[in-house]
């Protein structure tokens, strides 16, 4: 009888430790997913805001800010977002003349950013 009581107490203790470990692991994964999502969201929205601001006021300050947000998108974004950002830079207007592919590249880039956030 004492052996059964000892085994029950031991099993209960191990079960609590295991449950605690699993809860910690699940919380860590949830925190990492939330952090990744927020980093991506901030980078994508910052990029879109900065390019809108650059269109309104094409100054060197706004250009630097756009570059900063592009760097953050390259750091946190998916491979597809990085490829489309590269294509976006390739379609920069030359002497104020828009590149013919720019609207399509922007459409694809925004859609990929949405898809990337949904996957995160």
PDB file of N, CA and C in Angstrom:
ATOM      1  N   UNK A   1       0.816  -1.193   0.000  1.00  0.00           N
ATOM      2  CA  UNK A   1       0.000   0.000   0.000  1.00  0.00           C
ATOM      3  C   UNK A   1       0.860   1.258   0.000  1.00  0.00           C
ATOM      4  N   UNK A   2       1.919   1.264   0.801  1.00  0.00           N
ATOM      5  CA  UNK A   2       2.815   2.420   0.860  1.00  0.00           C
ATOM      6  C   UNK A   2       3.531   2.586  -0.477  1.00  0.00           C
ATOM      7  N   UNK A   3       3.900   1.488  -1.108  1.00  0.00           N
ATOM      8  CA  UNK A   3       4.554   1.562  -2.418  1.00  0.00           C
ATOM      9  C   UNK A   3       3.617   2.180  -3.452  1.00  0.00           C
ATOM     10  N   UNK A   4       2.358   1.804  -3.403  1.00  0.00           N
ATOM     11  CA  UNK A   4       1.374   2.371  -4.330  1.00  0.00           C
ATOM     12  C   UNK A   4       1.204   3.863  -4.091  1.00  0.00           C
ATOM     13  N   UNK A   5       1.179   4.263  -2.824  1.00  0.00           N
ATOM     14  CA  UNK A   5       1.062   5.679  -2.481  1.00  0.00           C
ATOM     15  C   UNK A   5       2.298   6.441  -2.961  1.00  0.00           C
ATOM     16  N   UNK A   6       3.479   5.881  -2.741  1.00  0.00           N
ATOM     17  CA  UNK A   6       4.724   6.521  -3.191  1.00  0.00           C
ATOM     18  C   UNK A   6       4.775   6.649  -4.709  1.00  0.00           C
ATOM     19  N   UNK A   7       4.356   5.620  -5.414  1.00  0.00           N
ATOM     20  CA  UNK A   7       4.338   5.645  -6.880  1.00  0.00           C
ATOM     21  C   UNK A   7       3.346   6.684  -7.385  1.00  0.00           C
ATOM     22  N   UNK A   8       2.221   6.791  -6.721  1.00  0.00           N
ATOM     23  CA  UNK A   8       1.208   7.777  -7.137  1.00  0.00           C
ATOM     24  C   UNK A   8       1.719   9.193  -6.949  1.00  0.00           C
ATOM     25  N   UNK A   9       2.355   9.440  -5.810  1.00  0.00           N
ATOM     26  CA  UNK A   9       2.902  10.789  -5.556  1.00  0.00           C
ATOM     27  C   UNK A   9       3.999  11.101  -6.555  1.00  0.00           C
ATOM     28  N   UNK A  10       4.856  10.132  -6.833  1.00  0.00           N
ATOM     29  CA  UNK A  10       5.933  10.333  -7.803  1.00  0.00           C
ATOM     30  C   UNK A  10       5.399  10.594  -9.197  1.00  0.00           C
ATOM     31  N   UNK A  11       4.406   9.842  -9.607  1.00  0.00           N
ATOM     32  CA  UNK A  11       3.813  10.019 -10.936  1.00  0.00           C
ATOM     33  C   UNK A  11       3.145  11.387 -11.037  1.00  0.00           C
ATOM     34  N   UNK A  12       2.482  11.787  -9.985  1.00  0.00           N
ATOM     35  CA  UNK A  12       1.826  13.100  -9.984  1.00  0.00           C
ATOM     36  C   UNK A  12       2.859  14.211 -10.106  1.00  0.00           C
ATOM     37  N   UNK A  13       3.950  14.082  -9.398  1.00  0.00           N
ATOM     38  CA  UNK A  13       5.003  15.094  -9.458  1.00  0.00           C
ATOM     39  C   UNK A  13       5.624  15.188 -10.844  1.00  0.00           C
ATOM     40  N   UNK A  14       5.896  14.044 -11.449  1.00  0.00           N
ATOM     41  CA  UNK A  14       6.474  14.038 -12.796  1.00  0.00           C
ATOM     42  C   UNK A  14       5.485  14.586 -13.819  1.00  0.00           C
ATOM     43  N   UNK A  15       4.214  14.259 -13.640  1.00  0.00           N
ATOM     44  CA  UNK A  15       3.187  14.771 -14.552  1.00  0.00           C
ATOM     45  C   UNK A  15       3.103  16.283 -14.483  1.00  0.00           C
ATOM     46  N   UNK A  16       3.213  16.850 -13.304  1.00  0.00           N
ATOM     47  CA  UNK A  16       3.161  18.302 -13.134  1.00  0.00           C
ATOM     48  C   UNK A  16       4.376  18.959 -13.773  1.00  0.00           C
ATOM     49  N   UNK A  17       5.527  18.333 -13.597  1.00  0.00           N
ATOM     50  CA  UNK A  17       6.747  18.872 -14.213  1.00  0.00           C
ATOM     51  C   UNK A  17       6.626  18.822 -15.729  1.00  0.00           C
ATOM     52  N   UNK A  18       6.150  17.696 -16.251  1.00  0.00           N
ATOM     53  CA  UNK A  18       5.972  17.564 -17.702  1.00  0.00           C
ATOM     54  C   UNK A  18       4.966  18.589 -18.223  1.00  0.00           C
ATOM     55  N   UNK A  19       3.856  18.739 -17.518  1.00  0.00           N
ATOM     56  CA  UNK A  19       2.839  19.716 -17.929  1.00  0.00           C
ATOM     57  C   UNK A  19       3.409  21.130 -17.918  1.00  0.00           C
ATOM     58  N   UNK A  20       4.183  21.447 -16.910  1.00  0.00           N
ATOM     59  CA  UNK A  20       4.816  22.762 -16.826  1.00  0.00           C
ATOM     60  C   UNK A  20       5.768  22.983 -18.001  1.00  0.00           C
ATOM     61  N   UNK A  21       6.550  21.966 -18.330  1.00  0.00           N
ATOM     62  CA  UNK A  21       7.477  22.048 -19.453  1.00  0.00           C
ATOM     63  C   UNK A  21       6.726  22.281 -20.769  1.00  0.00           C
ATOM     64  N   UNK A  22       5.669  21.532 -20.997  1.00  0.00           N
ATOM     65  CA  UNK A  22       4.885  21.669 -22.232  1.00  0.00           C
ATOM     66  C   UNK A  22       4.244  23.051 -22.315  1.00  0.00           C
ATOM     67  N   UNK A  23       3.697  23.532 -21.211  1.00  0.00           N
ATOM     68  CA  UNK A  23       3.090  24.870 -21.212  1.00  0.00           C
ATOM     69  C   UNK A  23       4.125  25.938 -21.530  1.00  0.00           C
ATOM     70  N   UNK A  24       5.305  25.822 -20.950  1.00  0.00           N
ATOM     71  CA  UNK A  24       6.376  26.788 -21.232  1.00  0.00           C
ATOM     72  C   UNK A  24       6.774  26.747 -22.702  1.00  0.00           C
ATOM     73  N   UNK A  25       6.911  25.563 -23.250  1.00  0.00           N
ATOM     74  CA  UNK A  25       7.292  25.405 -24.653  1.00  0.00           C
ATOM     75  C   UNK A  25       6.240  26.015 -25.577  1.00  0.00           C
ATOM     76  N   UNK A  26       4.959  25.753 -25.291  1.00  0.00           N
ATOM     77  CA  UNK A  26       3.881  26.306 -26.114  1.00  0.00           C
ATOM     78  C   UNK A  26       3.822  27.830 -26.018  1.00  0.00           C
ATOM     79  N   UNK A  27       4.031  28.367 -24.842  1.00  0.00           N
ATOM     80  CA  UNK A  27       4.038  29.817 -24.677  1.00  0.00           C
ATOM     81  C   UNK A  27       5.213  30.445 -25.412  1.00  0.00           C
ATOM     82  N   UNK A  28       6.358  29.783 -25.381  1.00  0.00           N
ATOM     83  CA  UNK A  28       7.534  30.294 -26.098  1.00  0.00           C
ATOM     84  C   UNK A  28       7.283  30.332 -27.599  1.00  0.00           C
ATOM     85  N   UNK A  29       6.670  29.270 -28.129  1.00  0.00           N
ATOM     86  CA  UNK A  29       6.349  29.244 -29.566  1.00  0.00           C
ATOM     87  C   UNK A  29       5.353  30.342 -29.922  1.00  0.00           C
ATOM     88  N   UNK A  30       4.345  30.521 -29.089  1.00  0.00           N
ATOM     89  CA  UNK A  30       3.343  31.564 -29.337  1.00  0.00           C
ATOM     90  C   UNK A  30       3.999  32.935 -29.316  1.00  0.00           C
ATOM     91  N   UNK A  31       4.864  33.189 -28.361  1.00  0.00           N
ATOM     92  CA  UNK A  31       5.561  34.469 -28.268  1.00  0.00           C
ATOM     93  C   UNK A  31       6.432  34.710 -29.497  1.00  0.00           C
ATOM     94  N   UNK A  32       7.134  33.685 -29.943  1.00  0.00           N
ATOM     95  CA  UNK A  32       8.002  33.826 -31.121  1.00  0.00           C
ATOM     96  C   UNK A  32       7.170  34.128 -32.370  1.00  0.00           C
ATOM     97  N   UNK A  33       6.027  33.449 -32.531  1.00  0.00           N
ATOM     98  CA  UNK A  33       5.157  33.720 -33.682  1.00  0.00           C
ATOM     99  C   UNK A  33       4.618  35.141 -33.638  1.00  0.00           C
ATOM    100  N   UNK A  34       4.189  35.582 -32.463  1.00  0.00           N
ATOM    101  CA  UNK A  34       3.671  36.940 -32.323  1.00  0.00           C
ATOM    102  C   UNK A  34       4.759  37.968 -32.604  1.00  0.00           C
ATOM    103  N   UNK A  35       5.958  37.723 -32.112  1.00  0.00           N
ATOM    104  CA  UNK A  35       7.084  38.637 -32.346  1.00  0.00           C
ATOM    105  C   UNK A  35       7.416  38.706 -33.841  1.00  0.00           C
ATOM    106  N   UNK A  36       7.475  37.551 -34.494  1.00  0.00           N
ATOM    107  CA  UNK A  36       7.751  37.522 -35.935  1.00  0.00           C
ATOM    108  C   UNK A  36       6.677  38.280 -36.711  1.00  0.00           C
ATOM    109  N   UNK A  37       5.429  38.030 -36.368  1.00  0.00           N
ATOM    110  CA  UNK A  37       4.321  38.714 -37.040  1.00  0.00           C
ATOM    111  C   UNK A  37       4.441  40.224 -36.864  1.00  0.00           C
ATOM    112  N   UNK A  38       4.680  40.667 -35.639  1.00  0.00           N
ATOM    113  CA  UNK A  38       4.765  42.109 -35.378  1.00  0.00           C
ATOM    114  C   UNK A  38       5.958  42.753 -36.067  1.00  0.00           C
ATOM    115  N   UNK A  39       7.079  42.055 -36.115  1.00  0.00           N
ATOM    116  CA  UNK A  39       8.259  42.593 -36.815  1.00  0.00           C
ATOM    117  C   UNK A  39       7.968  42.755 -38.311  1.00  0.00           C
ATOM    118  N   UNK A  40       7.369  41.730 -38.899  1.00  0.00           N
ATOM    119  CA  UNK A  40       7.033  41.800 -40.319  1.00  0.00           C
ATOM    120  C   UNK A  40       6.015  42.895 -40.587  1.00  0.00           C
ATOM    121  N   UNK A  41       4.972  42.946 -39.767  1.00  0.00           N
ATOM    122  CA  UNK A  41       3.920  43.945 -39.956  1.00  0.00           C
ATOM    123  C   UNK A  41       4.497  45.355 -39.869  1.00  0.00           C
ATOM    124  N   UNK A  42       5.331  45.599 -38.873  1.00  0.00           N
ATOM    125  CA  UNK A  42       5.938  46.914 -38.719  1.00  0.00           C
ATOM    126  C   UNK A  42       6.831  47.261 -39.912  1.00  0.00           C
ATOM    127  N   UNK A  43       7.614  46.299 -40.369  1.00  0.00           N
ATOM    128  CA  UNK A  43       8.511  46.544 -41.506  1.00  0.00           C
ATOM    129  C   UNK A  43       7.709  46.820 -42.778  1.00  0.00           C
ATOM    130  N   UNK A  44       6.678  46.025 -43.030  1.00  0.00           N
ATOM    131  CA  UNK A  44       5.889  46.200 -44.253  1.00  0.00           C
ATOM    132  C   UNK A  44       5.120  47.518 -44.244  1.00  0.00           C
ATOM    133  N   UNK A  45       4.483  47.832 -43.119  1.00  0.00           N
ATOM    134  CA  UNK A  45       3.742  49.090 -43.051  1.00  0.00           C
ATOM    135  C   UNK A  45       4.677  50.293 -43.091  1.00  0.00           C
ATOM    136  N   UNK A  46       5.832  50.168 -42.453  1.00  0.00           N
ATOM    137  CA  UNK A  46       6.823  51.245 -42.514  1.00  0.00           C
ATOM    138  C   UNK A  46       7.307  51.478 -43.932  1.00  0.00           C
ATOM    139  N   UNK A  47       7.557  50.401 -44.651  1.00  0.00           N
ATOM    140  CA  UNK A  47       7.984  50.520 -46.051  1.00  0.00           C
ATOM    141  C   UNK A  47       6.923  51.209 -46.900  1.00  0.00           C
ATOM    142  N   UNK A  48       5.678  50.746 -46.782  1.00  0.00           N
ATOM    143  CA  UNK A  48       4.602  51.328 -47.586  1.00  0.00           C
ATOM    144  C   UNK A  48       4.376  52.794 -47.244  1.00  0.00           C
ATOM    145  N   UNK A  49       4.462  53.137 -45.968  1.00  0.00           N
ATOM    146  CA  UNK A  49       4.312  54.539 -45.559  1.00  0.00           C
ATOM    147  C   UNK A  49       5.461  55.386 -46.086  1.00  0.00           C
ATOM    148  N   UNK A  50       6.669  54.845 -46.031  1.00  0.00           N
ATOM    149  CA  UNK A  50       7.831  55.620 -46.471  1.00  0.00           C
ATOM    150  C   UNK A  50       7.823  55.862 -47.979  1.00  0.00           C
ATOM    151  N   UNK A  51       7.374  54.882 -48.759  1.00  0.00           N
ATOM    152  CA  UNK A  51       7.348  55.133 -50.206  1.00  0.00           C
ATOM    153  C   UNK A  51       6.229  56.107 -50.561  1.00  0.00           C
ATOM    154  N   UNK A  52       5.120  56.077 -49.805  1.00  0.00           N
ATOM    155  CA  UNK A  52       4.063  57.068 -50.032  1.00  0.00           C
ATOM    156  C   UNK A  52       4.585  58.460 -49.704  1.00  0.00           C
ATOM    157  N   UNK A  53       5.311  58.576 -48.608  1.00  0.00           N
ATOM    158  CA  UNK A  53       5.894  59.871 -48.211  1.00  0.00           C
ATOM    159  C   UNK A  53       6.924  60.334 -49.240  1.00  0.00           C
ATOM    160  N   UNK A  54       7.693  59.412 -49.786  1.00  0.00           N
ATOM    161  CA  UNK A  54       8.687  59.760 -50.813  1.00  0.00           C
ATOM    162  C   UNK A  54       8.028  60.272 -52.091  1.00  0.00           C
ATOM    163  N   UNK A  55       6.850  59.741 -52.399  1.00  0.00           N
ATOM    164  CA  UNK A  55       6.117  60.213 -53.576  1.00  0.00           C
ATOM    165  C   UNK A  55       5.633  61.652 -53.377  1.00  0.00           C
ATOM    166  N   UNK A  56       5.216  61.961 -52.140  1.00  0.00           N
ATOM    167  CA  UNK A  56       4.718  63.308 -51.831  1.00  0.00           C
ATOM    168  C   UNK A  56       5.869  64.293 -51.735  1.00  0.00           C
ATOM    169  N   UNK A  57       6.930  63.898 -51.042  1.00  0.00           N
ATOM    170  CA  UNK A  57       8.083  64.777 -50.807  1.00  0.00           C
ATOM    171  C   UNK A  57       9.362  64.013 -51.109  1.00  0.00           C
ATOM    172  N   UNK A  58       9.827  64.045 -52.356  1.00  0.00           N
ATOM    173  CA  UNK A  58      11.025  63.268 -52.727  1.00  0.00           C
ATOM    174  C   UNK A  58      12.318  63.917 -52.213  1.00  0.00           C
ATOM    175  N   UNK A  59      12.542  63.838 -50.911  1.00  0.00           N
ATOM    176  CA  UNK A  59      13.744  64.415 -50.310  1.00  0.00           C
ATOM    177  C   UNK A  59      14.741  63.308 -49.976  1.00  0.00           C
ATOM    178  N   UNK A  60      15.966  63.725 -49.673  1.00  0.00           N
ATOM    179  CA  UNK A  60      16.980  62.736 -49.316  1.00  0.00           C
ATOM    180  C   UNK A  60      16.620  62.057 -47.984  1.00  0.00           C
ATOM    181  N   UNK A  61      16.000  62.788 -47.076  1.00  0.00           N
ATOM    182  CA  UNK A  61      15.573  62.200 -45.792  1.00  0.00           C
ATOM    183  C   UNK A  61      14.575  61.067 -46.041  1.00  0.00           C
ATOM    184  N   UNK A  62      13.589  61.324 -46.883  1.00  0.00           N
ATOM    185  CA  UNK A  62      12.586  60.294 -47.175  1.00  0.00           C
ATOM    186  C   UNK A  62      13.201  59.117 -47.928  1.00  0.00           C
ATOM    187  N   UNK A  63      14.168  59.404 -48.759  1.00  0.00           N
ATOM    188  CA  UNK A  63      14.859  58.331 -49.472  1.00  0.00           C
ATOM    189  C   UNK A  63      15.625  57.449 -48.490  1.00  0.00           C
ATOM    190  N   UNK A  64      16.265  58.062 -47.520  1.00  0.00           N
ATOM    191  CA  UNK A  64      17.005  57.303 -46.507  1.00  0.00           C
ATOM    192  C   UNK A  64      16.045  56.472 -45.670  1.00  0.00           C
ATOM    193  N   UNK A  65      14.901  57.059 -45.308  1.00  0.00           N
ATOM    194  CA  UNK A  65      13.915  56.311 -44.524  1.00  0.00           C
ATOM    195  C   UNK A  65      13.371  55.114 -45.315  1.00  0.00           C
ATOM    196  N   UNK A  66      13.135  55.314 -46.603  1.00  0.00           N
ATOM    197  CA  UNK A  66      12.677  54.190 -47.436  1.00  0.00           C
ATOM    198  C   UNK A  66      13.724  53.085 -47.459  1.00  0.00           C
ATOM    199  N   UNK A  67      14.979  53.475 -47.583  1.00  0.00           N
ATOM    200  CA  UNK A  67      16.061  52.490 -47.562  1.00  0.00           C
ATOM    201  C   UNK A  67      16.123  51.733 -46.251  1.00  0.00           C
ATOM    202  N   UNK A  68      15.881  52.435 -45.155  1.00  0.00           N
ATOM    203  CA  UNK A  68      15.853  51.799 -43.840  1.00  0.00           C
ATOM    204  C   UNK A  68      14.747  50.746 -43.778  1.00  0.00           C
ATOM    205  N   UNK A  69      13.560  51.112 -44.262  1.00  0.00           N
ATOM    206  CA  UNK A  69      12.437  50.162 -44.215  1.00  0.00           C
ATOM    207  C   UNK A  69      12.652  49.001 -45.180  1.00  0.00           C
ATOM    208  N   UNK A  70      13.280  49.260 -46.307  1.00  0.00           N
ATOM    209  CA  UNK A  70      13.598  48.175 -47.240  1.00  0.00           C
ATOM    210  C   UNK A  70      14.555  47.193 -46.564  1.00  0.00           C
ATOM    211  N   UNK A  71      15.529  47.722 -45.835  1.00  0.00           N
ATOM    212  CA  UNK A  71      16.469  46.855 -45.111  1.00  0.00           C
ATOM    213  C   UNK A  71      15.739  46.007 -44.077  1.00  0.00           C
ATOM    214  N   UNK A  72      14.797  46.602 -43.368  1.00  0.00           N
ATOM    215  CA  UNK A  72      14.040  45.836 -42.372  1.00  0.00           C
ATOM    216  C   UNK A  72      13.175  44.770 -43.045  1.00  0.00           C
ATOM    217  N   UNK A  73      12.590  45.115 -44.189  1.00  0.00           N
ATOM    218  CA  UNK A  73      11.804  44.116 -44.928  1.00  0.00           C
ATOM    219  C   UNK A  73      12.701  42.970 -45.387  1.00  0.00           C
ATOM    220  N   UNK A  74      13.918  43.292 -45.823  1.00  0.00           N
ATOM    221  CA  UNK A  74      14.863  42.250 -46.227  1.00  0.00           C
ATOM    222  C   UNK A  74      15.281  41.389 -45.049  1.00  0.00           C
ATOM    223  N   UNK A  75      15.328  41.978 -43.871  1.00  0.00           N
ATOM    224  CA  UNK A  75      15.726  41.240 -42.679  1.00  0.00           C
ATOM    225  C   UNK A  75      14.620  40.302 -42.191  1.00  0.00           C
ATOM    226  N   UNK A  76      13.370  40.775 -42.193  1.00  0.00           N
ATOM    227  CA  UNK A  76      12.280  40.000 -41.603  1.00  0.00           C
ATOM    228  C   UNK A  76      11.351  39.355 -42.622  1.00  0.00           C
ATOM    229  N   UNK A  77      11.386  39.788 -43.872  1.00  0.00           N
ATOM    230  CA  UNK A  77      10.443  39.304 -44.867  1.00  0.00           C
ATOM    231  C   UNK A  77      10.776  37.933 -45.416  1.00  0.00           C
ATOM    232  N   UNK A  78       9.785  37.358 -46.075  1.00  0.00           N
ATOM    233  CA  UNK A  78       9.974  36.049 -46.702  1.00  0.00           C
ATOM    234  C   UNK A  78      10.863  36.189 -47.939  1.00  0.00           C
ATOM    235  N   UNK A  79      11.265  35.068 -48.459  1.00  0.00           N
ATOM    236  CA  UNK A  79      12.107  35.063 -49.664  1.00  0.00           C
ATOM    237  C   UNK A  79      11.381  35.726 -50.840  1.00  0.00           C
ATOM    238  N   UNK A  80      10.086  35.477 -50.964  1.00  0.00           N
ATOM    239  CA  UNK A  80       9.313  36.081 -52.049  1.00  0.00           C
ATOM    240  C   UNK A  80       9.221  37.598 -51.896  1.00  0.00           C
ATOM    241  N   UNK A  81       9.044  38.076 -50.674  1.00  0.00           N
ATOM    242  CA  UNK A  81       9.005  39.522 -50.436  1.00  0.00           C
ATOM    243  C   UNK A  81      10.352  40.132 -50.799  1.00  0.00           C
ATOM    244  N   UNK A  82      11.444  39.490 -50.402  1.00  0.00           N
ATOM    245  CA  UNK A  82      12.775  40.014 -50.726  1.00  0.00           C
ATOM    246  C   UNK A  82      13.000  40.070 -52.236  1.00  0.00           C
ATOM    247  N   UNK A  83      12.544  39.055 -52.954  1.00  0.00           N
ATOM    248  CA  UNK A  83      12.703  39.046 -54.414  1.00  0.00           C
ATOM    249  C   UNK A  83      11.893  40.176 -55.052  1.00  0.00           C
ATOM    250  N   UNK A  84      10.678  40.382 -54.570  1.00  0.00           N
ATOM    251  CA  UNK A  84       9.844  41.452 -55.128  1.00  0.00           C
ATOM    252  C   UNK A  84      10.365  42.829 -54.745  1.00  0.00           C
ATOM    253  N   UNK A  85      10.973  42.962 -53.570  1.00  0.00           N
ATOM    254  CA  UNK A  85      11.601  44.239 -53.206  1.00  0.00           C
ATOM    255  C   UNK A  85      12.763  44.544 -54.143  1.00  0.00           C
ATOM    256  N   UNK A  86      13.511  43.521 -54.470  1.00  0.00           N
ATOM    257  CA  UNK A  86      14.610  43.699 -55.413  1.00  0.00           C
ATOM    258  C   UNK A  86      14.070  44.159 -56.771  1.00  0.00           C
ATOM    259  N   UNK A  87      12.991  43.526 -57.204  1.00  0.00           N
ATOM    260  CA  UNK A  87      12.350  43.915 -58.470  1.00  0.00           C
ATOM    261  C   UNK A  87      11.788  45.335 -58.379  1.00  0.00           C
ATOM    262  N   UNK A  88      11.243  45.684 -57.217  1.00  0.00           N
ATOM    263  CA  UNK A  88      10.738  47.041 -56.987  1.00  0.00           C
ATOM    264  C   UNK A  88      11.869  48.061 -57.195  1.00  0.00           C
ATOM    265  N   UNK A  89      13.037  47.775 -56.638  1.00  0.00           N
ATOM    266  CA  UNK A  89      14.163  48.695 -56.788  1.00  0.00           C
ATOM    267  C   UNK A  89      14.634  48.781 -58.238  1.00  0.00           C
ATOM    268  N   UNK A  90      14.531  47.688 -58.962  1.00  0.00           N
ATOM    269  CA  UNK A  90      14.918  47.686 -60.369  1.00  0.00           C
ATOM    270  C   UNK A  90      13.986  48.543 -61.226  1.00  0.00           C
ATOM    271  N   UNK A  91      12.766  48.738 -60.742  1.00  0.00           N
ATOM    272  CA  UNK A  91      11.786  49.513 -61.520  1.00  0.00           C
ATOM    273  C   UNK A  91      11.673  50.957 -61.038  1.00  0.00           C
ATOM    274  N   UNK A  92      12.705  51.446 -60.345  1.00  0.00           N
ATOM    275  CA  UNK A  92      12.695  52.847 -59.922  1.00  0.00           C
ATOM    276  C   UNK A  92      12.529  53.756 -61.134  1.00  0.00           C
ATOM    277  N   UNK A  93      11.743  54.821 -60.980  1.00  0.00           N
ATOM    278  CA  UNK A  93      11.596  55.766 -62.097  1.00  0.00           C
ATOM    279  C   UNK A  93      12.945  56.398 -62.451  1.00  0.00           C
ATOM    280  N   UNK A  94      13.170  56.567 -63.737  1.00  0.00           N
ATOM    281  CA  UNK A  94      14.389  57.206 -64.220  1.00  0.00           C
ATOM    282  C   UNK A  94      14.020  58.601 -64.707  1.00  0.00           C
ATOM    283  N   UNK A  95      14.651  59.617 -64.136  1.00  0.00           N
ATOM    284  CA  UNK A  95      14.390  61.015 -64.499  1.00  0.00           C
ATOM    285  C   UNK A  95      12.904  61.350 -64.404  1.00  0.00           C
ATOM    286  N   UNK A  96      12.225  60.814 -63.403  1.00  0.00           N
ATOM    287  CA  UNK A  96      10.818  61.119 -63.189  1.00  0.00           C
ATOM    288  C   UNK A  96       9.854  60.341 -64.061  1.00  0.00           C
ATOM    289  N   UNK A  97      10.364  59.512 -64.962  1.00  0.00           N
ATOM    290  CA  UNK A  97       9.506  58.721 -65.845  1.00  0.00           C
ATOM    291  C   UNK A  97       9.271  57.359 -65.197  1.00  0.00           C
ATOM    292  N   UNK A  98       8.002  57.025 -64.919  1.00  0.00           N
ATOM    293  CA  UNK A  98       7.724  55.733 -64.266  1.00  0.00           C
ATOM    294  C   UNK A  98       8.077  54.549 -65.160  1.00  0.00           C
ATOM    295  N   UNK A  99       8.549  53.494 -64.534  1.00  0.00           N
ATOM    296  CA  UNK A  99       8.841  52.249 -65.247  1.00  0.00           C
ATOM    297  C   UNK A  99       7.513  51.546 -65.524  1.00  0.00           C
ATOM    298  N   UNK A 100       7.382  50.959 -66.695  1.00  0.00           N
ATOM    299  CA  UNK A 100       6.102  50.347 -67.086  1.00  0.00           C
ATOM    300  C   UNK A 100       5.702  49.167 -66.207  1.00  0.00           C
ATOM    301  N   UNK A 101       6.666  48.480 -65.591  1.00  0.00           N
ATOM    302  CA  UNK A 101       6.358  47.318 -64.754  1.00  0.00           C
ATOM    303  C   UNK A 101       6.066  47.674 -63.297  1.00  0.00           C
ATOM    304  N   UNK A 102       6.296  48.930 -62.927  1.00  0.00           N
ATOM    305  CA  UNK A 102       6.195  49.326 -61.516  1.00  0.00           C
ATOM    306  C   UNK A 102       4.821  49.021 -60.894  1.00  0.00           C
ATOM    307  N   UNK A 103       3.698  49.374 -61.527  1.00  0.00           N
ATOM    308  CA  UNK A 103       2.404  49.084 -60.884  1.00  0.00           C
ATOM    309  C   UNK A 103       2.178  47.594 -60.623  1.00  0.00           C
ATOM    310  N   UNK A 104       2.570  46.752 -61.557  1.00  0.00           N
ATOM    311  CA  UNK A 104       2.397  45.309 -61.386  1.00  0.00           C
ATOM    312  C   UNK A 104       3.308  44.772 -60.281  1.00  0.00           C
ATOM    313  N   UNK A 105       4.529  45.275 -60.222  1.00  0.00           N
ATOM    314  CA  UNK A 105       5.458  44.861 -59.170  1.00  0.00           C
ATOM    315  C   UNK A 105       4.907  45.262 -57.797  1.00  0.00           C
ATOM    316  N   UNK A 106       4.369  46.473 -57.699  1.00  0.00           N
ATOM    317  CA  UNK A 106       3.798  46.930 -56.426  1.00  0.00           C
ATOM    318  C   UNK A 106       2.595  46.080 -56.033  1.00  0.00           C
ATOM    319  N   UNK A 107       1.744  45.755 -56.985  1.00  0.00           N
ATOM    320  CA  UNK A 107       0.576  44.932 -56.702  1.00  0.00           C
ATOM    321  C   UNK A 107       1.013  43.567 -56.168  1.00  0.00           C
ATOM    322  N   UNK A 108       1.977  42.952 -56.837  1.00  0.00           N
ATOM    323  CA  UNK A 108       2.475  41.644 -56.404  1.00  0.00           C
ATOM    324  C   UNK A 108       3.158  41.730 -55.038  1.00  0.00           C
ATOM    325  N   UNK A 109       3.917  42.801 -54.816  1.00  0.00           N
ATOM    326  CA  UNK A 109       4.623  42.974 -53.553  1.00  0.00           C
ATOM    327  C   UNK A 109       3.644  43.108 -52.390  1.00  0.00           C
ATOM    328  N   UNK A 110       2.630  43.928 -52.562  1.00  0.00           N
ATOM    329  CA  UNK A 110       1.632  44.106 -51.500  1.00  0.00           C
ATOM    330  C   UNK A 110       0.899  42.794 -51.233  1.00  0.00           C
ATOM    331  N   UNK A 111       0.545  42.072 -52.285  1.00  0.00           N
ATOM    332  CA  UNK A 111      -0.139  40.791 -52.100  1.00  0.00           C
ATOM    333  C   UNK A 111       0.759  39.792 -51.382  1.00  0.00           C
ATOM    334  N   UNK A 112       2.025  39.756 -51.736  1.00  0.00           N
ATOM    335  CA  UNK A 112       2.954  38.828 -51.076  1.00  0.00           C
ATOM    336  C   UNK A 112       3.152  39.209 -49.612  1.00  0.00           C
ATOM    337  N   UNK A 113       3.167  40.503 -49.316  1.00  0.00           N
ATOM    338  CA  UNK A 113       3.272  40.933 -47.920  1.00  0.00           C
ATOM    339  C   UNK A 113       2.050  40.461 -47.129  1.00  0.00           C
ATOM    340  N   UNK A 114       0.876  40.600 -47.715  1.00  0.00           N
ATOM    341  CA  UNK A 114      -0.346  40.100 -47.054  1.00  0.00           C
ATOM    342  C   UNK A 114      -0.253  38.591 -46.816  1.00  0.00           C
ATOM    343  N   UNK A 115       0.128  37.870 -47.858  1.00  0.00           N
ATOM    344  CA  UNK A 115       0.228  36.402 -47.752  1.00  0.00           C
ATOM    345  C   UNK A 115       1.254  35.997 -46.702  1.00  0.00           C
ATOM    346  N   UNK A 116       2.384  36.714 -46.665  1.00  0.00           N
ATOM    347  CA  UNK A 116       3.424  36.407 -45.687  1.00  0.00           C
ATOM    348  C   UNK A 116       2.920  36.614 -44.264  1.00  0.00           C
ATOM    349  N   UNK A 117       2.162  37.677 -44.041  1.00  0.00           N
ATOM    350  CA  UNK A 117       1.614  37.915 -42.698  1.00  0.00           C
ATOM    351  C   UNK A 117       0.587  36.839 -42.331  1.00  0.00           C
ATOM    352  N   UNK A 118      -0.173  36.362 -43.295  1.00  0.00           N
ATOM    353  CA  UNK A 118      -1.151  35.296 -43.009  1.00  0.00           C
ATOM    354  C   UNK A 118      -0.447  33.992 -42.635  1.00  0.00           C
ATOM    355  N   UNK A 119       0.710  33.745 -43.249  1.00  0.00           N
ATOM    356  CA  UNK A 119       1.454  32.509 -42.965  1.00  0.00           C
ATOM    357  C   UNK A 119       2.174  32.563 -41.611  1.00  0.00           C
ATOM    358  N   UNK A 120       2.378  33.763 -41.088  1.00  0.00           N
ATOM    359  CA  UNK A 120       3.144  33.913 -39.846  1.00  0.00           C
ATOM    360  C   UNK A 120       2.278  33.664 -38.630  1.00  0.00           C
TER     361      UNK A 120
END
